[in-house]
Amino acid sequence: MYKEIGNSIYGSLVRGMNNKLKLNNKTGEMSRIPAHFLSNPIISSWVTGFIRSIIGECLHSIHQLGGKIVSVTTDGFITDIIDLESKLNGVLFSVFKNLRRDISGDPNALGLELKHSGVGVIS
């Protein structure tokens, strides 16, 4: 639920910044997406750049640890490094982890969330 809320807020930050057309279901016509009162190109570009930099730093660390990366998306990646978070020591990742702890109020909050685990990869 919190990820959905965060994604919605981010969507509002970037809404209306390009001239993207959207289908208006009521009229059946294409129209420009208007800006939202939260729209802010400076904050949205910082958020995008910060998260991409963290993922890049993690990928570099995985490479340095001799790990393999199977795929990368905007908010995650698949790797074969066990207990990766304890092995990460990048500056940006540390900042991110502290931000997650501050925002959640949980002193034990992790920087990474393990969504799936398994043995082997089928592609």
N, C-alpha and C. Protein backbone atom coordinates (compact mmCIF):
# COMPACT_ATOMS: atom_id res chain seq x y z
N MET A 1 0.82 -1.18 0.00
CA MET A 1 0.00 0.00 0.00
C MET A 1 0.88 1.26 0.00
N TYR A 2 1.95 1.26 0.82
CA TYR A 2 2.79 2.45 0.90
C TYR A 2 3.55 2.69 -0.40
N LYS A 3 3.92 1.60 -1.09
CA LYS A 3 4.58 1.77 -2.38
C LYS A 3 3.62 2.42 -3.38
N GLU A 4 2.36 2.01 -3.35
CA GLU A 4 1.36 2.59 -4.25
C GLU A 4 1.16 4.08 -3.95
N ILE A 5 1.14 4.43 -2.67
CA ILE A 5 1.01 5.83 -2.28
C ILE A 5 2.21 6.63 -2.78
N GLY A 6 3.40 6.08 -2.55
CA GLY A 6 4.62 6.75 -3.01
C GLY A 6 4.64 6.93 -4.52
N ASN A 7 4.24 5.88 -5.25
CA ASN A 7 4.21 5.97 -6.71
C ASN A 7 3.19 7.02 -7.17
N SER A 8 2.07 7.12 -6.47
CA SER A 8 1.06 8.11 -6.83
C SER A 8 1.55 9.53 -6.59
N ILE A 9 2.25 9.72 -5.49
CA ILE A 9 2.82 11.05 -5.21
C ILE A 9 3.86 11.41 -6.27
N TYR A 10 4.73 10.44 -6.58
CA TYR A 10 5.74 10.69 -7.61
C TYR A 10 5.05 11.00 -8.95
N GLY A 11 4.00 10.26 -9.29
CA GLY A 11 3.26 10.51 -10.52
C GLY A 11 2.70 11.92 -10.56
N SER A 12 2.26 12.41 -9.40
CA SER A 12 1.74 13.78 -9.33
C SER A 12 2.86 14.80 -9.49
N LEU A 13 4.08 14.46 -9.02
CA LEU A 13 5.22 15.37 -9.17
C LEU A 13 5.57 15.59 -10.63
N VAL A 14 5.44 14.54 -11.44
CA VAL A 14 5.86 14.63 -12.85
C VAL A 14 4.70 14.89 -13.82
N ARG A 15 3.50 14.87 -13.31
CA ARG A 15 2.33 15.02 -14.18
C ARG A 15 2.31 16.37 -14.89
N GLY A 16 2.07 16.31 -16.18
CA GLY A 16 1.92 17.52 -16.99
C GLY A 16 3.23 18.14 -17.44
N MET A 17 4.35 17.48 -17.21
CA MET A 17 5.64 18.08 -17.59
C MET A 17 6.03 17.80 -19.03
N ASN A 18 5.37 16.85 -19.65
CA ASN A 18 5.61 16.66 -21.08
C ASN A 18 4.29 16.90 -21.79
N ASN A 19 4.31 16.89 -23.06
CA ASN A 19 3.07 17.15 -23.81
C ASN A 19 2.35 15.86 -24.16
N LYS A 20 2.40 14.90 -23.24
CA LYS A 20 1.78 13.60 -23.48
C LYS A 20 0.26 13.74 -23.61
N LEU A 21 -0.27 12.99 -24.56
CA LEU A 21 -1.71 12.97 -24.76
C LEU A 21 -2.32 11.78 -24.03
N LYS A 22 -3.53 11.99 -23.55
CA LYS A 22 -4.25 10.93 -22.84
C LYS A 22 -5.66 10.87 -23.39
N LEU A 23 -6.19 9.65 -23.48
CA LEU A 23 -7.56 9.49 -23.96
C LEU A 23 -8.52 9.90 -22.85
N ASN A 24 -9.40 10.81 -23.16
CA ASN A 24 -10.46 11.21 -22.25
C ASN A 24 -11.63 10.25 -22.47
N ASN A 25 -11.90 9.40 -21.49
CA ASN A 25 -12.94 8.38 -21.64
C ASN A 25 -14.33 8.98 -21.83
N LYS A 26 -14.57 10.14 -21.28
CA LYS A 26 -15.91 10.76 -21.39
C LYS A 26 -16.18 11.30 -22.79
N THR A 27 -15.16 11.93 -23.39
CA THR A 27 -15.36 12.55 -24.70
C THR A 27 -14.86 11.68 -25.85
N GLY A 28 -13.99 10.73 -25.54
CA GLY A 28 -13.41 9.89 -26.60
C GLY A 28 -12.32 10.59 -27.37
N GLU A 29 -11.88 11.76 -26.90
CA GLU A 29 -10.85 12.54 -27.59
C GLU A 29 -9.54 12.50 -26.80
N MET A 30 -8.48 12.80 -27.51
CA MET A 30 -7.16 12.88 -26.88
C MET A 30 -6.95 14.31 -26.39
N SER A 31 -6.41 14.44 -25.18
CA SER A 31 -6.14 15.78 -24.65
C SER A 31 -4.84 15.75 -23.85
N ARG A 32 -4.24 16.92 -23.68
CA ARG A 32 -3.01 17.05 -22.92
C ARG A 32 -3.28 16.82 -21.44
N ILE A 33 -2.34 16.16 -20.76
CA ILE A 33 -2.47 15.94 -19.32
C ILE A 33 -2.06 17.22 -18.62
N PRO A 34 -2.95 17.81 -17.82
CA PRO A 34 -2.61 19.06 -17.14
C PRO A 34 -1.67 18.81 -15.95
N ALA A 35 -0.95 19.84 -15.57
CA ALA A 35 -0.08 19.75 -14.39
C ALA A 35 -0.93 19.59 -13.14
N HIS A 36 -0.34 18.99 -12.14
CA HIS A 36 -0.98 18.80 -10.83
C HIS A 36 -0.43 19.87 -9.90
N PHE A 37 -1.12 20.19 -8.81
CA PHE A 37 -0.59 21.21 -7.90
C PHE A 37 0.72 20.76 -7.26
N LEU A 38 1.00 19.45 -7.28
CA LEU A 38 2.28 18.94 -6.76
C LEU A 38 3.38 18.89 -7.82
N SER A 39 3.04 19.12 -9.08
CA SER A 39 4.03 19.03 -10.16
C SER A 39 5.23 19.92 -9.88
N ASN A 40 6.43 19.33 -9.98
CA ASN A 40 7.64 20.08 -9.69
C ASN A 40 8.81 19.42 -10.41
N PRO A 41 9.32 20.03 -11.48
CA PRO A 41 10.39 19.39 -12.25
C PRO A 41 11.69 19.23 -11.47
N ILE A 42 11.98 20.12 -10.54
CA ILE A 42 13.24 20.03 -9.79
C ILE A 42 13.20 18.84 -8.83
N ILE A 43 12.12 18.74 -8.07
CA ILE A 43 12.02 17.63 -7.11
C ILE A 43 11.90 16.30 -7.84
N SER A 44 11.10 16.25 -8.91
CA SER A 44 10.93 14.98 -9.62
C SER A 44 12.22 14.52 -10.27
N SER A 45 13.01 15.44 -10.81
CA SER A 45 14.28 15.02 -11.42
C SER A 45 15.27 14.58 -10.35
N TRP A 46 15.21 15.20 -9.18
CA TRP A 46 16.09 14.77 -8.08
C TRP A 46 15.73 13.37 -7.63
N VAL A 47 14.43 13.10 -7.45
CA VAL A 47 13.99 11.77 -7.02
C VAL A 47 14.42 10.72 -8.03
N THR A 48 14.17 10.97 -9.30
CA THR A 48 14.54 10.03 -10.35
C THR A 48 16.04 9.78 -10.37
N GLY A 49 16.82 10.85 -10.34
CA GLY A 49 18.27 10.72 -10.37
C GLY A 49 18.83 10.04 -9.14
N PHE A 50 18.27 10.34 -7.97
CA PHE A 50 18.73 9.75 -6.71
C PHE A 50 18.50 8.24 -6.71
N ILE A 51 17.31 7.81 -7.07
CA ILE A 51 17.01 6.37 -7.08
C ILE A 51 17.85 5.65 -8.12
N ARG A 52 17.99 6.22 -9.30
CA ARG A 52 18.82 5.57 -10.33
C ARG A 52 20.28 5.50 -9.90
N SER A 53 20.74 6.51 -9.19
CA SER A 53 22.12 6.50 -8.69
C SER A 53 22.32 5.42 -7.64
N ILE A 54 21.33 5.24 -6.77
CA ILE A 54 21.41 4.19 -5.75
C ILE A 54 21.47 2.82 -6.42
N ILE A 55 20.59 2.59 -7.39
CA ILE A 55 20.61 1.30 -8.09
C ILE A 55 21.94 1.11 -8.80
N GLY A 56 22.46 2.16 -9.43
CA GLY A 56 23.77 2.06 -10.08
C GLY A 56 24.88 1.73 -9.09
N GLU A 57 24.83 2.34 -7.91
CA GLU A 57 25.82 2.06 -6.88
C GLU A 57 25.71 0.60 -6.41
N CYS A 58 24.48 0.12 -6.25
CA CYS A 58 24.27 -1.28 -5.85
C CYS A 58 24.80 -2.23 -6.93
N LEU A 59 24.51 -1.94 -8.19
CA LEU A 59 24.99 -2.79 -9.28
C LEU A 59 26.51 -2.82 -9.33
N HIS A 60 27.13 -1.68 -9.10
CA HIS A 60 28.60 -1.62 -9.06
C HIS A 60 29.14 -2.49 -7.91
N SER A 61 28.49 -2.40 -6.76
CA SER A 61 28.92 -3.21 -5.61
C SER A 61 28.76 -4.70 -5.89
N ILE A 62 27.65 -5.07 -6.53
CA ILE A 62 27.43 -6.48 -6.88
C ILE A 62 28.55 -6.96 -7.80
N HIS A 63 28.91 -6.15 -8.77
CA HIS A 63 30.01 -6.49 -9.67
C HIS A 63 31.32 -6.66 -8.90
N GLN A 64 31.59 -5.72 -7.98
CA GLN A 64 32.81 -5.79 -7.17
C GLN A 64 32.83 -7.03 -6.28
N LEU A 65 31.67 -7.50 -5.85
CA LEU A 65 31.56 -8.69 -5.01
C LEU A 65 31.61 -9.98 -5.83
N GLY A 66 31.68 -9.85 -7.14
CA GLY A 66 31.73 -11.03 -8.01
C GLY A 66 30.37 -11.63 -8.30
N GLY A 67 29.31 -10.88 -8.03
CA GLY A 67 27.96 -11.38 -8.24
C GLY A 67 27.49 -11.19 -9.67
N LYS A 68 26.37 -11.81 -9.95
CA LYS A 68 25.74 -11.69 -11.26
C LYS A 68 24.42 -10.94 -11.11
N ILE A 69 24.09 -10.18 -12.14
CA ILE A 69 22.84 -9.43 -12.18
C ILE A 69 22.04 -9.97 -13.35
N VAL A 70 20.83 -10.44 -13.06
CA VAL A 70 20.02 -11.05 -14.10
C VAL A 70 19.15 -10.01 -14.80
N SER A 71 18.52 -9.13 -14.02
CA SER A 71 17.69 -8.09 -14.61
C SER A 71 17.61 -6.91 -13.66
N VAL A 72 17.31 -5.74 -14.23
CA VAL A 72 17.19 -4.51 -13.44
C VAL A 72 15.94 -3.78 -13.92
N THR A 73 15.14 -3.29 -12.97
CA THR A 73 13.99 -2.45 -13.29
C THR A 73 14.17 -1.12 -12.58
N THR A 74 13.15 -0.27 -12.63
CA THR A 74 13.27 1.04 -12.02
C THR A 74 13.35 0.98 -10.50
N ASP A 75 12.88 -0.10 -9.91
CA ASP A 75 12.90 -0.16 -8.45
C ASP A 75 13.42 -1.49 -7.90
N GLY A 76 14.19 -2.21 -8.68
CA GLY A 76 14.72 -3.46 -8.16
C GLY A 76 15.63 -4.15 -9.14
N PHE A 77 16.21 -5.25 -8.68
CA PHE A 77 17.09 -6.04 -9.51
C PHE A 77 17.15 -7.47 -8.97
N ILE A 78 17.61 -8.38 -9.82
CA ILE A 78 17.78 -9.77 -9.44
C ILE A 78 19.26 -10.07 -9.44
N THR A 79 19.75 -10.60 -8.33
CA THR A 79 21.17 -10.92 -8.20
C THR A 79 21.34 -12.22 -7.43
N ASP A 80 22.55 -12.77 -7.48
CA ASP A 80 22.84 -14.01 -6.77
C ASP A 80 23.63 -13.80 -5.48
N ILE A 81 23.76 -12.57 -5.03
CA ILE A 81 24.49 -12.28 -3.79
C ILE A 81 23.56 -12.51 -2.59
N ILE A 82 23.96 -13.39 -1.71
CA ILE A 82 23.19 -13.68 -0.50
C ILE A 82 23.46 -12.57 0.52
N ASP A 83 22.43 -12.13 1.23
CA ASP A 83 22.54 -11.11 2.28
C ASP A 83 23.26 -9.86 1.75
N LEU A 84 22.80 -9.40 0.59
CA LEU A 84 23.45 -8.29 -0.09
C LEU A 84 23.53 -7.03 0.76
N GLU A 85 22.46 -6.70 1.47
CA GLU A 85 22.43 -5.43 2.20
C GLU A 85 23.58 -5.30 3.19
N SER A 86 23.94 -6.38 3.83
CA SER A 86 25.04 -6.31 4.82
C SER A 86 26.39 -6.10 4.14
N LYS A 87 26.44 -6.31 2.83
CA LYS A 87 27.70 -6.16 2.09
C LYS A 87 27.81 -4.84 1.35
N LEU A 88 26.72 -4.06 1.34
CA LEU A 88 26.73 -2.77 0.66
C LEU A 88 27.23 -1.69 1.59
N ASN A 89 28.13 -0.86 1.09
CA ASN A 89 28.67 0.23 1.92
C ASN A 89 28.79 1.53 1.15
N GLY A 90 28.00 1.68 0.09
CA GLY A 90 28.06 2.90 -0.71
C GLY A 90 27.46 4.09 0.02
N VAL A 91 27.95 5.26 -0.32
CA VAL A 91 27.50 6.51 0.31
C VAL A 91 26.02 6.76 0.05
N LEU A 92 25.59 6.65 -1.20
CA LEU A 92 24.19 6.92 -1.54
C LEU A 92 23.26 5.89 -0.91
N PHE A 93 23.69 4.63 -0.90
CA PHE A 93 22.87 3.60 -0.27
C PHE A 93 22.71 3.87 1.22
N SER A 94 23.76 4.31 1.88
CA SER A 94 23.68 4.64 3.31
C SER A 94 22.70 5.79 3.55
N VAL A 95 22.75 6.80 2.70
CA VAL A 95 21.81 7.92 2.82
C VAL A 95 20.38 7.42 2.63
N PHE A 96 20.17 6.59 1.62
CA PHE A 96 18.84 6.04 1.34
C PHE A 96 18.33 5.21 2.52
N LYS A 97 19.19 4.36 3.06
CA LYS A 97 18.80 3.51 4.19
C LYS A 97 18.40 4.36 5.40
N ASN A 98 19.16 5.41 5.67
CA ASN A 98 18.83 6.30 6.78
C ASN A 98 17.52 7.04 6.54
N LEU A 99 17.28 7.45 5.29
CA LEU A 99 16.01 8.11 4.95
C LEU A 99 14.84 7.17 5.18
N ARG A 100 15.00 5.90 4.78
CA ARG A 100 13.92 4.92 5.00
C ARG A 100 13.64 4.74 6.48
N ARG A 101 14.68 4.70 7.27
CA ARG A 101 14.51 4.56 8.72
C ARG A 101 13.82 5.79 9.31
N ASP A 102 14.25 6.97 8.88
CA ASP A 102 13.64 8.20 9.40
C ASP A 102 12.17 8.31 9.02
N ILE A 103 11.86 8.02 7.77
CA ILE A 103 10.49 8.16 7.29
C ILE A 103 9.58 7.11 7.93
N SER A 104 10.07 5.88 8.05
CA SER A 104 9.23 4.81 8.61
C SER A 104 9.13 4.87 10.13
N GLY A 105 10.11 5.50 10.77
CA GLY A 105 10.13 5.52 12.23
C GLY A 105 10.59 4.20 12.82
N ASP A 106 11.01 3.27 11.98
CA ASP A 106 11.47 1.96 12.42
C ASP A 106 12.99 1.91 12.40
N PRO A 107 13.64 1.84 13.57
CA PRO A 107 15.10 1.82 13.59
C PRO A 107 15.71 0.58 12.94
N ASN A 108 14.88 -0.45 12.71
CA ASN A 108 15.37 -1.69 12.09
C ASN A 108 15.03 -1.78 10.60
N ALA A 109 14.48 -0.70 10.04
CA ALA A 109 14.10 -0.71 8.62
C ALA A 109 15.34 -0.94 7.76
N LEU A 110 15.16 -1.73 6.75
CA LEU A 110 16.25 -2.04 5.83
C LEU A 110 16.22 -1.09 4.63
N GLY A 111 17.33 -1.00 3.94
CA GLY A 111 17.39 -0.21 2.72
C GLY A 111 16.81 -0.98 1.54
N LEU A 112 17.03 -2.30 1.54
CA LEU A 112 16.53 -3.15 0.47
C LEU A 112 15.41 -4.03 0.99
N GLU A 113 14.51 -4.38 0.10
CA GLU A 113 13.44 -5.29 0.44
C GLU A 113 13.56 -6.53 -0.43
N LEU A 114 13.71 -7.68 0.21
CA LEU A 114 13.77 -8.94 -0.53
C LEU A 114 12.35 -9.35 -0.92
N LYS A 115 12.08 -9.36 -2.22
CA LYS A 115 10.73 -9.68 -2.66
C LYS A 115 10.57 -11.15 -2.97
N HIS A 116 11.60 -11.78 -3.51
CA HIS A 116 11.56 -13.19 -3.86
C HIS A 116 12.93 -13.80 -3.65
N SER A 117 12.94 -15.09 -3.39
CA SER A 117 14.22 -15.80 -3.35
C SER A 117 13.99 -17.18 -3.94
N GLY A 118 15.04 -17.76 -4.42
CA GLY A 118 14.93 -19.09 -5.01
C GLY A 118 16.29 -19.61 -5.40
N VAL A 119 16.29 -20.81 -5.91
CA VAL A 119 17.52 -21.44 -6.37
C VAL A 119 17.45 -21.56 -7.88
N GLY A 120 18.44 -20.99 -8.55
CA GLY A 120 18.49 -21.06 -10.01
C GLY A 120 17.61 -20.03 -10.66
N VAL A 121 17.84 -19.84 -11.94
CA VAL A 121 17.07 -18.87 -12.71
C VAL A 121 16.60 -19.55 -13.99
N ILE A 122 15.34 -19.37 -14.27
CA ILE A 122 14.79 -19.89 -15.53
C ILE A 122 14.46 -18.69 -16.39
N SER A 123 15.02 -18.63 -17.58
CA SER A 123 14.71 -17.50 -18.45
C SER A 123 14.32 -17.99 -19.84
